[in-house]
PDB file of N, CA and C in Angstrom:
ATOM      1  N   MET A   1      11.882  70.121  -1.278  1.00  0.00           N
ATOM      2  CA  MET A   1      11.023  68.834  -2.310  1.00  0.00           C
ATOM      3  C   MET A   1      11.691  67.727  -1.538  1.00  0.00           C
ATOM      4  N   ASP A   2      10.358  66.616  -1.940  1.00  0.00           N
ATOM      5  CA  ASP A   2      10.450  65.400  -1.469  1.00  0.00           C
ATOM      6  C   ASP A   2      11.632  64.497  -1.575  1.00  0.00           C
ATOM      7  N   GLU A   3      12.347  63.560  -1.021  1.00  0.00           N
ATOM      8  CA  GLU A   3      13.452  62.818  -1.704  1.00  0.00           C
ATOM      9  C   GLU A   3      12.591  61.750  -2.090  1.00  0.00           C
ATOM     10  N   PRO A   4      13.264  60.733  -3.298  1.00  0.00           N
ATOM     11  CA  PRO A   4      12.515  59.924  -3.984  1.00  0.00           C
ATOM     12  C   PRO A   4      12.785  58.652  -3.096  1.00  0.00           C
ATOM     13  N   THR A   5      11.314  57.595  -3.316  1.00  0.00           N
ATOM     14  CA  THR A   5      11.574  56.532  -2.600  1.00  0.00           C
ATOM     15  C   THR A   5      11.617  55.518  -3.529  1.00  0.00           C
ATOM     16  N   GLY A   6      11.382  54.108  -2.921  1.00  0.00           N
ATOM     17  CA  GLY A   6      11.140  52.975  -3.878  1.00  0.00           C
ATOM     18  C   GLY A   6      12.268  52.776  -4.774  1.00  0.00           C
ATOM     19  N   PRO A   7      11.931  51.742  -5.686  1.00  0.00           N
ATOM     20  CA  PRO A   7      13.088  51.397  -6.829  1.00  0.00           C
ATOM     21  C   PRO A   7      13.509  52.534  -7.466  1.00  0.00           C
ATOM     22  N   GLY A   8      14.553  52.699  -7.782  1.00  0.00           N
ATOM     23  CA  GLY A   8      15.204  53.560  -8.679  1.00  0.00           C
ATOM     24  C   GLY A   8      15.270  54.853  -7.729  1.00  0.00           C
ATOM     25  N   ALA A   9      15.387  54.693  -6.419  1.00  0.00           N
ATOM     26  CA  ALA A   9      15.586  55.896  -5.521  1.00  0.00           C
ATOM     27  C   ALA A   9      16.890  56.821  -5.497  1.00  0.00           C
ATOM     28  N   SER A  10      17.741  56.084  -6.149  1.00  0.00           N
ATOM     29  CA  SER A  10      19.350  56.741  -5.853  1.00  0.00           C
ATOM     30  C   SER A  10      19.202  57.861  -7.139  1.00  0.00           C
ATOM     31  N   GLY A  11      18.237  57.922  -7.717  1.00  0.00           N
ATOM     32  CA  GLY A  11      17.828  59.281  -8.726  1.00  0.00           C
ATOM     33  C   GLY A  11      18.261  58.587 -10.187  1.00  0.00           C
ATOM     34  N   ALA A  12      19.053  57.609 -10.460  1.00  0.00           N
ATOM     35  CA  ALA A  12      18.926  56.988 -11.819  1.00  0.00           C
ATOM     36  C   ALA A  12      17.709  56.327 -12.200  1.00  0.00           C
ATOM     37  N   GLU A  13      17.285  56.741 -13.371  1.00  0.00           N
ATOM     38  CA  GLU A  13      16.226  56.037 -13.697  1.00  0.00           C
ATOM     39  C   GLU A  13      16.670  54.617 -14.299  1.00  0.00           C
ATOM     40  N   ARG A  14      16.003  53.281 -13.916  1.00  0.00           N
ATOM     41  CA  ARG A  14      16.179  52.142 -14.342  1.00  0.00           C
ATOM     42  C   ARG A  14      15.578  51.852 -15.892  1.00  0.00           C
ATOM     43  N   ASP A  15      16.321  51.054 -16.746  1.00  0.00           N
ATOM     44  CA  ASP A  15      15.969  50.822 -18.078  1.00  0.00           C
ATOM     45  C   ASP A  15      15.191  49.800 -17.955  1.00  0.00           C
ATOM     46  N   PRO A  16      13.566  49.751 -18.537  1.00  0.00           N
ATOM     47  CA  PRO A  16      12.871  48.490 -18.682  1.00  0.00           C
ATOM     48  C   PRO A  16      13.594  47.413 -19.326  1.00  0.00           C
ATOM     49  N   GLN A  17      14.229  47.918 -20.208  1.00  0.00           N
ATOM     50  CA  GLN A  17      14.680  46.701 -21.258  1.00  0.00           C
ATOM     51  C   GLN A  17      16.142  45.674 -20.557  1.00  0.00           C
ATOM     52  N   ALA A  18      16.081  46.300 -19.071  1.00  0.00           N
ATOM     53  CA  ALA A  18      17.377  45.661 -18.473  1.00  0.00           C
ATOM     54  C   ALA A  18      16.381  44.838 -17.389  1.00  0.00           C
ATOM     55  N   ARG A  19      14.809  44.734 -17.469  1.00  0.00           N
ATOM     56  CA  ARG A  19      14.137  43.801 -16.297  1.00  0.00           C
ATOM     57  C   ARG A  19      14.631  42.104 -17.067  1.00  0.00           C
ATOM     58  N   VAL A  20      14.715  41.320 -15.926  1.00  0.00           N
ATOM     59  CA  VAL A  20      14.747  39.855 -16.588  1.00  0.00           C
ATOM     60  C   VAL A  20      13.631  39.126 -15.544  1.00  0.00           C
ATOM     61  N   GLU A  21      12.955  38.361 -16.380  1.00  0.00           N
ATOM     62  CA  GLU A  21      11.466  37.499 -15.569  1.00  0.00           C
ATOM     63  C   GLU A  21      12.049  36.529 -16.258  1.00  0.00           C
ATOM     64  N   ILE A  22      12.163  35.372 -14.704  1.00  0.00           N
ATOM     65  CA  ILE A  22      12.332  34.025 -14.879  1.00  0.00           C
ATOM     66  C   ILE A  22      11.002  33.297 -14.391  1.00  0.00           C
ATOM     67  N   THR A  23      10.545  32.584 -15.491  1.00  0.00           N
ATOM     68  CA  THR A  23       9.323  32.055 -15.361  1.00  0.00           C
ATOM     69  C   THR A  23       9.689  30.567 -15.035  1.00  0.00           C
ATOM     70  N   TYR A  24       9.219  29.841 -14.012  1.00  0.00           N
ATOM     71  CA  TYR A  24       9.363  28.392 -13.720  1.00  0.00           C
ATOM     72  C   TYR A  24       8.309  27.683 -13.439  1.00  0.00           C
ATOM     73  N   CYS A  25       8.583  26.493 -13.350  1.00  0.00           N
ATOM     74  CA  CYS A  25       7.286  25.397 -13.227  1.00  0.00           C
ATOM     75  C   CYS A  25       7.292  24.951 -11.823  1.00  0.00           C
ATOM     76  N   THR A  26       6.040  25.343 -11.005  1.00  0.00           N
ATOM     77  CA  THR A  26       6.172  25.145  -9.644  1.00  0.00           C
ATOM     78  C   THR A  26       5.906  23.669  -9.461  1.00  0.00           C
ATOM     79  N   GLN A  27       5.250  22.996 -10.372  1.00  0.00           N
ATOM     80  CA  GLN A  27       4.829  21.553 -10.485  1.00  0.00           C
ATOM     81  C   GLN A  27       6.172  20.760 -10.533  1.00  0.00           C
ATOM     82  N   CYS A  28       7.434  21.165 -11.250  1.00  0.00           N
ATOM     83  CA  CYS A  28       8.247  20.405 -11.536  1.00  0.00           C
ATOM     84  C   CYS A  28       9.442  20.795 -10.256  1.00  0.00           C
ATOM     85  N   ARG A  29       9.183  21.731  -9.373  1.00  0.00           N
ATOM     86  CA  ARG A  29       9.856  22.181  -8.240  1.00  0.00           C
ATOM     87  C   ARG A  29      11.142  22.633  -8.663  1.00  0.00           C
ATOM     88  N   TRP A  30      11.133  23.570  -9.943  1.00  0.00           N
ATOM     89  CA  TRP A  30      12.240  24.478 -10.446  1.00  0.00           C
ATOM     90  C   TRP A  30      12.733  25.715  -9.750  1.00  0.00           C
ATOM     91  N   MET A  31      12.006  25.977  -8.463  1.00  0.00           N
ATOM     92  CA  MET A  31      12.103  26.987  -8.112  1.00  0.00           C
ATOM     93  C   MET A  31      13.645  27.409  -7.580  1.00  0.00           C
ATOM     94  N   LEU A  32      14.549  26.438  -7.089  1.00  0.00           N
ATOM     95  CA  LEU A  32      15.831  26.539  -6.718  1.00  0.00           C
ATOM     96  C   LEU A  32      16.407  26.854  -7.697  1.00  0.00           C
ATOM     97  N   ARG A  33      16.223  26.121  -9.101  1.00  0.00           N
ATOM     98  CA  ARG A  33      16.949  26.636 -10.357  1.00  0.00           C
ATOM     99  C   ARG A  33      16.733  27.852 -10.615  1.00  0.00           C
ATOM    100  N   ALA A  34      15.721  28.456 -10.315  1.00  0.00           N
ATOM    101  CA  ALA A  34      15.228  30.011 -10.927  1.00  0.00           C
ATOM    102  C   ALA A  34      16.085  30.860 -10.185  1.00  0.00           C
ATOM    103  N   THR A  35      16.035  30.477  -8.735  1.00  0.00           N
ATOM    104  CA  THR A  35      16.716  31.431  -8.179  1.00  0.00           C
ATOM    105  C   THR A  35      18.087  31.491  -7.805  1.00  0.00           C
ATOM    106  N   TRP A  36      18.941  30.350  -8.318  1.00  0.00           N
ATOM    107  CA  TRP A  36      20.274  30.109  -8.815  1.00  0.00           C
ATOM    108  C   TRP A  36      20.651  30.930  -9.992  1.00  0.00           C
ATOM    109  N   VAL A  37      19.472  30.810 -10.937  1.00  0.00           N
ATOM    110  CA  VAL A  37      20.029  31.491 -12.266  1.00  0.00           C
ATOM    111  C   VAL A  37      19.760  33.171 -12.002  1.00  0.00           C
ATOM    112  N   ALA A  38      18.831  33.617 -11.134  1.00  0.00           N
ATOM    113  CA  ALA A  38      18.653  34.956 -10.721  1.00  0.00           C
ATOM    114  C   ALA A  38      20.072  35.287 -10.066  1.00  0.00           C
ATOM    115  N   GLN A  39      20.300  34.855  -8.953  1.00  0.00           N
ATOM    116  CA  GLN A  39      21.654  35.120  -8.407  1.00  0.00           C
ATOM    117  C   GLN A  39      22.655  35.170  -9.023  1.00  0.00           C
ATOM    118  N   GLU A  40      22.839  34.131 -10.140  1.00  0.00           N
ATOM    119  CA  GLU A  40      23.943  34.146 -10.957  1.00  0.00           C
ATOM    120  C   GLU A  40      24.102  35.484 -11.918  1.00  0.00           C
ATOM    121  N   LEU A  41      22.933  36.117 -12.526  1.00  0.00           N
ATOM    122  CA  LEU A  41      22.561  37.022 -13.286  1.00  0.00           C
ATOM    123  C   LEU A  41      22.784  38.040 -12.323  1.00  0.00           C
ATOM    124  N   LEU A  42      22.549  38.365 -11.103  1.00  0.00           N
ATOM    125  CA  LEU A  42      22.364  39.540 -10.200  1.00  0.00           C
ATOM    126  C   LEU A  42      23.798  39.691  -9.775  1.00  0.00           C
ATOM    127  N   THR A  43      24.664  38.591  -9.695  1.00  0.00           N
ATOM    128  CA  THR A  43      26.169  38.671  -9.423  1.00  0.00           C
ATOM    129  C   THR A  43      26.961  39.258 -10.258  1.00  0.00           C
ATOM    130  N   THR A  44      26.660  38.826 -11.691  1.00  0.00           N
ATOM    131  CA  THR A  44      27.269  39.477 -13.044  1.00  0.00           C
ATOM    132  C   THR A  44      26.959  40.631 -13.269  1.00  0.00           C
ATOM    133  N   PHE A  45      25.716  40.905 -13.308  1.00  0.00           N
ATOM    134  CA  PHE A  45      25.129  42.301 -13.884  1.00  0.00           C
ATOM    135  C   PHE A  45      25.058  43.504 -13.014  1.00  0.00           C
ATOM    136  N   GLY A  46      24.887  42.986 -11.641  1.00  0.00           N
ATOM    137  CA  GLY A  46      24.762  44.086 -10.628  1.00  0.00           C
ATOM    138  C   GLY A  46      23.538  45.114 -10.793  1.00  0.00           C
ATOM    139  N   THR A  47      24.003  46.571 -10.603  1.00  0.00           N
ATOM    140  CA  THR A  47      22.755  47.426 -11.073  1.00  0.00           C
ATOM    141  C   THR A  47      22.800  47.880 -12.470  1.00  0.00           C
ATOM    142  N   ARG A  48      23.425  47.048 -13.396  1.00  0.00           N
ATOM    143  CA  ARG A  48      22.950  46.967 -14.625  1.00  0.00           C
ATOM    144  C   ARG A  48      21.752  46.444 -15.184  1.00  0.00           C
ATOM    145  N   LEU A  49      21.276  45.566 -14.310  1.00  0.00           N
ATOM    146  CA  LEU A  49      19.809  45.300 -14.267  1.00  0.00           C
ATOM    147  C   LEU A  49      18.722  46.052 -13.448  1.00  0.00           C
ATOM    148  N   SER A  50      17.590  46.223 -13.968  1.00  0.00           N
ATOM    149  CA  SER A  50      16.584  47.183 -13.308  1.00  0.00           C
ATOM    150  C   SER A  50      15.917  46.218 -12.227  1.00  0.00           C
ATOM    151  N   GLU A  51      15.763  44.529 -12.495  1.00  0.00           N
ATOM    152  CA  GLU A  51      14.933  43.777 -11.808  1.00  0.00           C
ATOM    153  C   GLU A  51      15.398  42.532 -12.329  1.00  0.00           C
ATOM    154  N   VAL A  52      15.107  41.286 -11.440  1.00  0.00           N
ATOM    155  CA  VAL A  52      15.073  40.386 -11.594  1.00  0.00           C
ATOM    156  C   VAL A  52      14.002  39.449 -10.967  1.00  0.00           C
ATOM    157  N   ALA A  53      12.665  39.198 -11.848  1.00  0.00           N
ATOM    158  CA  ALA A  53      11.651  38.657 -11.347  1.00  0.00           C
ATOM    159  C   ALA A  53      11.506  37.231 -11.178  1.00  0.00           C
ATOM    160  N   LEU A  54      10.734  36.784 -10.415  1.00  0.00           N
ATOM    161  CA  LEU A  54      10.701  35.259 -10.331  1.00  0.00           C
ATOM    162  C   LEU A  54       9.013  34.946 -10.342  1.00  0.00           C
ATOM    163  N   VAL A  55       8.524  34.496 -11.572  1.00  0.00           N
ATOM    164  CA  VAL A  55       7.297  33.859 -11.864  1.00  0.00           C
ATOM    165  C   VAL A  55       6.908  32.502 -11.780  1.00  0.00           C
ATOM    166  N   PRO A  56       6.126  32.222 -10.727  1.00  0.00           N
ATOM    167  CA  PRO A  56       5.593  30.798 -10.601  1.00  0.00           C
ATOM    168  C   PRO A  56       4.705  30.602 -12.038  1.00  0.00           C
ATOM    169  N   GLY A  57       4.904  29.359 -12.498  1.00  0.00           N
ATOM    170  CA  GLY A  57       4.362  28.702 -13.690  1.00  0.00           C
ATOM    171  C   GLY A  57       3.857  27.532 -13.195  1.00  0.00           C
ATOM    172  N   THR A  58       3.256  26.727 -14.326  1.00  0.00           N
ATOM    173  CA  THR A  58       3.246  25.289 -14.441  1.00  0.00           C
ATOM    174  C   THR A  58       3.478  24.672 -15.777  1.00  0.00           C
ATOM    175  N   GLY A  59       3.461  23.435 -15.928  1.00  0.00           N
ATOM    176  CA  GLY A  59       3.600  22.726 -17.377  1.00  0.00           C
ATOM    177  C   GLY A  59       4.761  22.667 -17.907  1.00  0.00           C
ATOM    178  N   GLY A  60       5.805  22.699 -16.897  1.00  0.00           N
ATOM    179  CA  GLY A  60       7.262  22.297 -17.419  1.00  0.00           C
ATOM    180  C   GLY A  60       7.939  23.600 -17.767  1.00  0.00           C
ATOM    181  N   VAL A  61       7.480  24.783 -17.525  1.00  0.00           N
ATOM    182  CA  VAL A  61       8.144  25.900 -18.104  1.00  0.00           C
ATOM    183  C   VAL A  61       9.173  26.343 -17.422  1.00  0.00           C
ATOM    184  N   PHE A  62      10.433  27.013 -18.297  1.00  0.00           N
ATOM    185  CA  PHE A  62      11.166  27.441 -17.902  1.00  0.00           C
ATOM    186  C   PHE A  62      11.878  28.459 -18.819  1.00  0.00           C
ATOM    187  N   ARG A  63      11.509  29.671 -18.701  1.00  0.00           N
ATOM    188  CA  ARG A  63      11.653  30.880 -19.596  1.00  0.00           C
ATOM    189  C   ARG A  63      12.252  32.016 -19.125  1.00  0.00           C
ATOM    190  N   VAL A  64      13.599  32.633 -20.045  1.00  0.00           N
ATOM    191  CA  VAL A  64      14.114  33.650 -19.298  1.00  0.00           C
ATOM    192  C   VAL A  64      13.873  34.792 -20.202  1.00  0.00           C
ATOM    193  N   VAL A  65      13.243  35.732 -19.884  1.00  0.00           N
ATOM    194  CA  VAL A  65      13.112  36.841 -20.828  1.00  0.00           C
ATOM    195  C   VAL A  65      13.656  38.043 -20.301  1.00  0.00           C
ATOM    196  N   VAL A  66      14.048  38.912 -21.225  1.00  0.00           N
ATOM    197  CA  VAL A  66      14.986  40.237 -21.064  1.00  0.00           C
ATOM    198  C   VAL A  66      14.323  41.488 -21.755  1.00  0.00           C
ATOM    199  N   GLY A  67      13.850  42.243 -20.876  1.00  0.00           N
ATOM    200  CA  GLY A  67      12.777  43.222 -21.519  1.00  0.00           C
ATOM    201  C   GLY A  67      11.667  42.824 -22.333  1.00  0.00           C
ATOM    202  N   ASP A  68      11.581  42.673 -23.935  1.00  0.00           N
ATOM    203  CA  ASP A  68      10.603  41.919 -24.024  1.00  0.00           C
ATOM    204  C   ASP A  68      10.987  40.801 -25.096  1.00  0.00           C
ATOM    205  N   ASP A  69      12.252  40.589 -24.955  1.00  0.00           N
ATOM    206  CA  ASP A  69      13.080  39.394 -25.702  1.00  0.00           C
ATOM    207  C   ASP A  69      13.078  38.176 -25.050  1.00  0.00           C
ATOM    208  N   VAL A  70      12.485  36.887 -25.341  1.00  0.00           N
ATOM    209  CA  VAL A  70      12.680  35.759 -24.963  1.00  0.00           C
ATOM    210  C   VAL A  70      14.075  35.370 -25.408  1.00  0.00           C
ATOM    211  N   VAL A  71      14.824  35.020 -24.190  1.00  0.00           N
ATOM    212  CA  VAL A  71      16.395  34.676 -24.409  1.00  0.00           C
ATOM    213  C   VAL A  71      16.356  33.260 -24.391  1.00  0.00           C
ATOM    214  N   TRP A  72      15.598  32.733 -23.673  1.00  0.00           N
ATOM    215  CA  TRP A  72      15.777  31.012 -23.245  1.00  0.00           C
ATOM    216  C   TRP A  72      14.345  30.583 -23.110  1.00  0.00           C
ATOM    217  N   ASP A  73      13.822  29.607 -23.502  1.00  0.00           N
ATOM    218  CA  ASP A  73      12.587  28.754 -23.401  1.00  0.00           C
ATOM    219  C   ASP A  73      12.924  27.418 -23.497  1.00  0.00           C
ATOM    220  N   ARG A  74      12.550  26.689 -22.209  1.00  0.00           N
ATOM    221  CA  ARG A  74      13.226  25.247 -22.290  1.00  0.00           C
ATOM    222  C   ARG A  74      12.292  24.587 -23.438  1.00  0.00           C
ATOM    223  N   GLY A  75      10.828  24.908 -23.681  1.00  0.00           N
ATOM    224  CA  GLY A  75      10.143  24.357 -24.454  1.00  0.00           C
ATOM    225  C   GLY A  75      10.863  24.270 -25.873  1.00  0.00           C
ATOM    226  N   VAL A  76      11.447  25.381 -26.261  1.00  0.00           N
ATOM    227  CA  VAL A  76      12.093  25.599 -27.586  1.00  0.00           C
ATOM    228  C   VAL A  76      13.448  24.997 -27.660  1.00  0.00           C
ATOM    229  N   GLU A  77      14.082  25.370 -26.700  1.00  0.00           N
ATOM    230  CA  GLU A  77      15.713  25.054 -26.500  1.00  0.00           C
ATOM    231  C   GLU A  77      15.806  23.464 -26.134  1.00  0.00           C
ATOM    232  N   GLY A  78      14.656  22.819 -25.640  1.00  0.00           N
ATOM    233  CA  GLY A  78      15.081  21.247 -25.193  1.00  0.00           C
ATOM    234  C   GLY A  78      15.768  21.028 -24.013  1.00  0.00           C
ATOM    235  N   GLY A  79      15.660  21.894 -23.321  1.00  0.00           N
ATOM    236  CA  GLY A  79      16.688  21.962 -22.063  1.00  0.00           C
ATOM    237  C   GLY A  79      16.555  23.192 -21.139  1.00  0.00           C
ATOM    238  N   PHE A  80      17.554  23.363 -20.250  1.00  0.00           N
ATOM    239  CA  PHE A  80      17.957  24.484 -19.379  1.00  0.00           C
ATOM    240  C   PHE A  80      19.358  25.052 -19.785  1.00  0.00           C
ATOM    241  N   PRO A  81      19.371  26.492 -19.930  1.00  0.00           N
ATOM    242  CA  PRO A  81      20.788  26.685 -20.270  1.00  0.00           C
ATOM    243  C   PRO A  81      21.817  26.812 -19.287  1.00  0.00           C
ATOM    244  N   GLU A  82      22.904  26.760 -20.108  1.00  0.00           N
ATOM    245  CA  GLU A  82      24.151  26.586 -19.316  1.00  0.00           C
ATOM    246  C   GLU A  82      24.375  28.243 -18.738  1.00  0.00           C
ATOM    247  N   ILE A  83      24.713  28.356 -17.740  1.00  0.00           N
ATOM    248  CA  ILE A  83      25.071  29.597 -17.158  1.00  0.00           C
ATOM    249  C   ILE A  83      25.599  30.716 -17.833  1.00  0.00           C
ATOM    250  N   PRO A  84      27.168  30.103 -18.434  1.00  0.00           N
ATOM    251  CA  PRO A  84      27.966  31.034 -19.263  1.00  0.00           C
ATOM    252  C   PRO A  84      27.119  31.310 -20.409  1.00  0.00           C
ATOM    253  N   VAL A  85      26.189  30.661 -21.034  1.00  0.00           N
ATOM    254  CA  VAL A  85      25.694  30.878 -22.591  1.00  0.00           C
ATOM    255  C   VAL A  85      24.530  31.968 -21.991  1.00  0.00           C
ATOM    256  N   LEU A  86      23.676  31.569 -20.987  1.00  0.00           N
ATOM    257  CA  LEU A  86      22.636  32.561 -20.664  1.00  0.00           C
ATOM    258  C   LEU A  86      23.212  34.204 -20.343  1.00  0.00           C
ATOM    259  N   LYS A  87      24.277  33.945 -19.557  1.00  0.00           N
ATOM    260  CA  LYS A  87      25.123  35.391 -19.141  1.00  0.00           C
ATOM    261  C   LYS A  87      25.351  36.236 -20.531  1.00  0.00           C
ATOM    262  N   GLN A  88      25.843  35.185 -21.702  1.00  0.00           N
ATOM    263  CA  GLN A  88      26.075  36.012 -22.382  1.00  0.00           C
ATOM    264  C   GLN A  88      24.773  36.383 -23.380  1.00  0.00           C
ATOM    265  N   LEU A  89      23.729  35.863 -23.361  1.00  0.00           N
ATOM    266  CA  LEU A  89      22.616  36.224 -23.829  1.00  0.00           C
ATOM    267  C   LEU A  89      21.925  37.511 -23.172  1.00  0.00           C
ATOM    268  N   VAL A  90      21.886  37.545 -21.780  1.00  0.00           N
ATOM    269  CA  VAL A  90      21.567  38.692 -21.241  1.00  0.00           C
ATOM    270  C   VAL A  90      22.677  39.764 -21.403  1.00  0.00           C
ATOM    271  N   ARG A  91      23.902  39.553 -21.271  1.00  0.00           N
ATOM    272  CA  ARG A  91      25.015  40.841 -21.630  1.00  0.00           C
ATOM    273  C   ARG A  91      24.712  41.540 -22.641  1.00  0.00           C
ATOM    274  N   ASP A  92      24.209  40.527 -24.358  1.00  0.00           N
ATOM    275  CA  ASP A  92      24.056  41.300 -25.429  1.00  0.00           C
ATOM    276  C   ASP A  92      22.875  42.254 -25.622  1.00  0.00           C
ATOM    277  N   ARG A  93      22.162  41.793 -24.550  1.00  0.00           N
ATOM    278  CA  ARG A  93      20.772  42.969 -24.603  1.00  0.00           C
ATOM    279  C   ARG A  93      21.048  44.121 -23.502  1.00  0.00           C
ATOM    280  N   VAL A  94      21.792  43.902 -22.257  1.00  0.00           N
ATOM    281  CA  VAL A  94      21.656  44.824 -21.244  1.00  0.00           C
ATOM    282  C   VAL A  94      23.056  45.474 -21.138  1.00  0.00           C
ATOM    283  N   ALA A  95      24.124  45.120 -21.720  1.00  0.00           N
ATOM    284  CA  ALA A  95      25.468  45.762 -21.297  1.00  0.00           C
ATOM    285  C   ALA A  95      26.440  45.071 -22.473  1.00  0.00           C
ATOM    286  N   PRO A  96      26.435  45.492 -23.856  1.00  0.00           N
ATOM    287  CA  PRO A  96      26.918  44.787 -24.816  1.00  0.00           C
ATOM    288  C   PRO A  96      28.535  44.620 -24.968  1.00  0.00           C
ATOM    289  N   GLY A  97      28.919  45.967 -24.481  1.00  0.00           N
ATOM    290  CA  GLY A  97      30.393  46.060 -23.912  1.00  0.00           C
ATOM    291  C   GLY A  97      30.966  45.478 -22.909  1.00  0.00           C
ATOM    292  N   LEU A  98      30.282  44.658 -22.221  1.00  0.00           N
ATOM    293  CA  LEU A  98      31.024  44.290 -20.701  1.00  0.00           C
ATOM    294  C   LEU A  98      31.462  42.993 -21.209  1.00  0.00           C
ATOM    295  N   ALA A  99      32.480  42.544 -20.876  1.00  0.00           N
ATOM    296  CA  ALA A  99      33.586  41.449 -20.887  1.00  0.00           C
ATOM    297  C   ALA A  99      33.080  40.372 -19.731  1.00  0.00           C
ATOM    298  N   LEU A 100      32.891  39.428 -20.075  1.00  0.00           N
ATOM    299  CA  LEU A 100      32.435  38.364 -18.814  1.00  0.00           C
ATOM    300  C   LEU A 100      33.670  37.576 -18.498  1.00  0.00           C
ATOM    301  N   GLY A 101      34.820  37.886 -19.129  1.00  0.00           N
ATOM    302  CA  GLY A 101      36.068  36.995 -18.592  1.00  0.00           C
ATOM    303  C   GLY A 101      35.722  35.512 -18.895  1.00  0.00           C
ATOM    304  N   HIS A 102      36.166  34.975 -17.650  1.00  0.00           N
ATOM    305  CA  HIS A 102      35.912  33.058 -17.852  1.00  0.00           C
ATOM    306  C   HIS A 102      34.902  32.846 -18.204  1.00  0.00           C
ATOM    307  N   THR A 103      33.553  33.422 -18.155  1.00  0.00           N
ATOM    308  CA  THR A 103      32.532  33.152 -18.679  1.00  0.00           C
ATOM    309  C   THR A 103      32.350  33.121 -20.248  1.00  0.00           C
ATOM    310  N   ASP A 104      33.185  34.331 -20.863  1.00  0.00           N
ATOM    311  CA  ASP A 104      32.912  34.179 -22.167  1.00  0.00           C
ATOM    312  C   ASP A 104      34.056  33.112 -22.854  1.00  0.00           C
ATOM    313  N   ARG A 105      35.308  32.778 -22.141  1.00  0.00           N
ATOM    314  CA  ARG A 105      36.061  31.882 -22.316  1.00  0.00           C
ATOM    315  C   ARG A 105      35.553  30.337 -22.583  1.00  0.00           C
ATOM    316  N   ALA A 106      34.412  30.274 -21.125  1.00  0.00           N
ATOM    317  CA  ALA A 106      33.817  28.858 -20.982  1.00  0.00           C
ATOM    318  C   ALA A 106      32.863  28.736 -22.184  1.00  0.00           C
ATOM    319  N   ALA A 107      32.218  29.642 -22.458  1.00  0.00           N
ATOM    320  CA  ALA A 107      30.992  29.856 -23.676  1.00  0.00           C
ATOM    321  C   ALA A 107      31.987  29.265 -24.892  1.00  0.00           C
ATOM    322  N   ARG A 108      33.036  29.994 -25.231  1.00  0.00           N
ATOM    323  CA  ARG A 108      33.544  29.724 -26.551  1.00  0.00           C
ATOM    324  C   ARG A 108      34.034  28.125 -26.549  1.00  0.00           C
ATOM    325  N   ARG A 109      34.806  27.456 -25.597  1.00  0.00           N
ATOM    326  CA  ARG A 109      35.277  26.296 -25.385  1.00  0.00           C
ATOM    327  C   ARG A 109      33.837  25.285 -25.765  1.00  0.00           C
ATOM    328  N   ALA A 110      32.694  25.492 -25.105  1.00  0.00           N
ATOM    329  CA  ALA A 110      31.507  24.624 -25.395  1.00  0.00           C
ATOM    330  C   ALA A 110      31.100  24.760 -26.877  1.00  0.00           C
ATOM    331  N   ALA A 111      31.298  25.998 -27.196  1.00  0.00           N
ATOM    332  CA  ALA A 111      30.752  26.262 -28.634  1.00  0.00           C
ATOM    333  C   ALA A 111      31.502  25.580 -29.693  1.00  0.00           C
ATOM    334  N   GLY A 112      32.836  24.726 -29.206  1.00  0.00           N
ATOM    335  CA  GLY A 112      33.722  24.314 -30.134  1.00  0.00           C
ATOM    336  C   GLY A 112      35.203  25.305 -30.455  1.00  0.00           C
ATOM    337  N   HIS A 113      34.882  26.522 -29.991  1.00  0.00           N
ATOM    338  CA  HIS A 113      36.022  27.375 -30.322  1.00  0.00           C
ATOM    339  C   HIS A 113      37.071  27.869 -29.260  1.00  0.00           C
ATOM    340  N   GLU A 114      38.075  26.726 -29.438  1.00  0.00           N
ATOM    341  CA  GLU A 114      39.086  26.668 -28.547  1.00  0.00           C
ATOM    342  C   GLU A 114      40.115  28.040 -28.528  1.00  0.00           C
ATOM    343  N   GLU A 115      40.495  28.183 -27.684  1.00  0.00           N
ATOM    344  CA  GLU A 115      41.259  29.479 -27.440  1.00  0.00           C
ATOM    345  C   GLU A 115      42.817  29.409 -27.838  1.00  0.00           C
TER     346      GLU A 115
END
């Protein structure tokens, strides 16, 4: 029998709902921000994510989609996500039981819920 190759070749099927897509504005030169966000998510979630895709766009777009859910849209939210908040939004969809440690604490402080 042939050995599997390509994405998911370890034998484990990847959950398509664990795919993250970051669309960023090339006109605004937000690629570095998008790659930083991708690196933060990959560092935190590792193999819990099936893929992190960077999608070039225009018109001031900065959108993060997990599976079929838009979890952050700069046009709607009025700015960029704080990383602790974004990690929680992603965690809630791909690994609800995962404790984020200092990220959870930082997000609670930012929301005004001191420990």
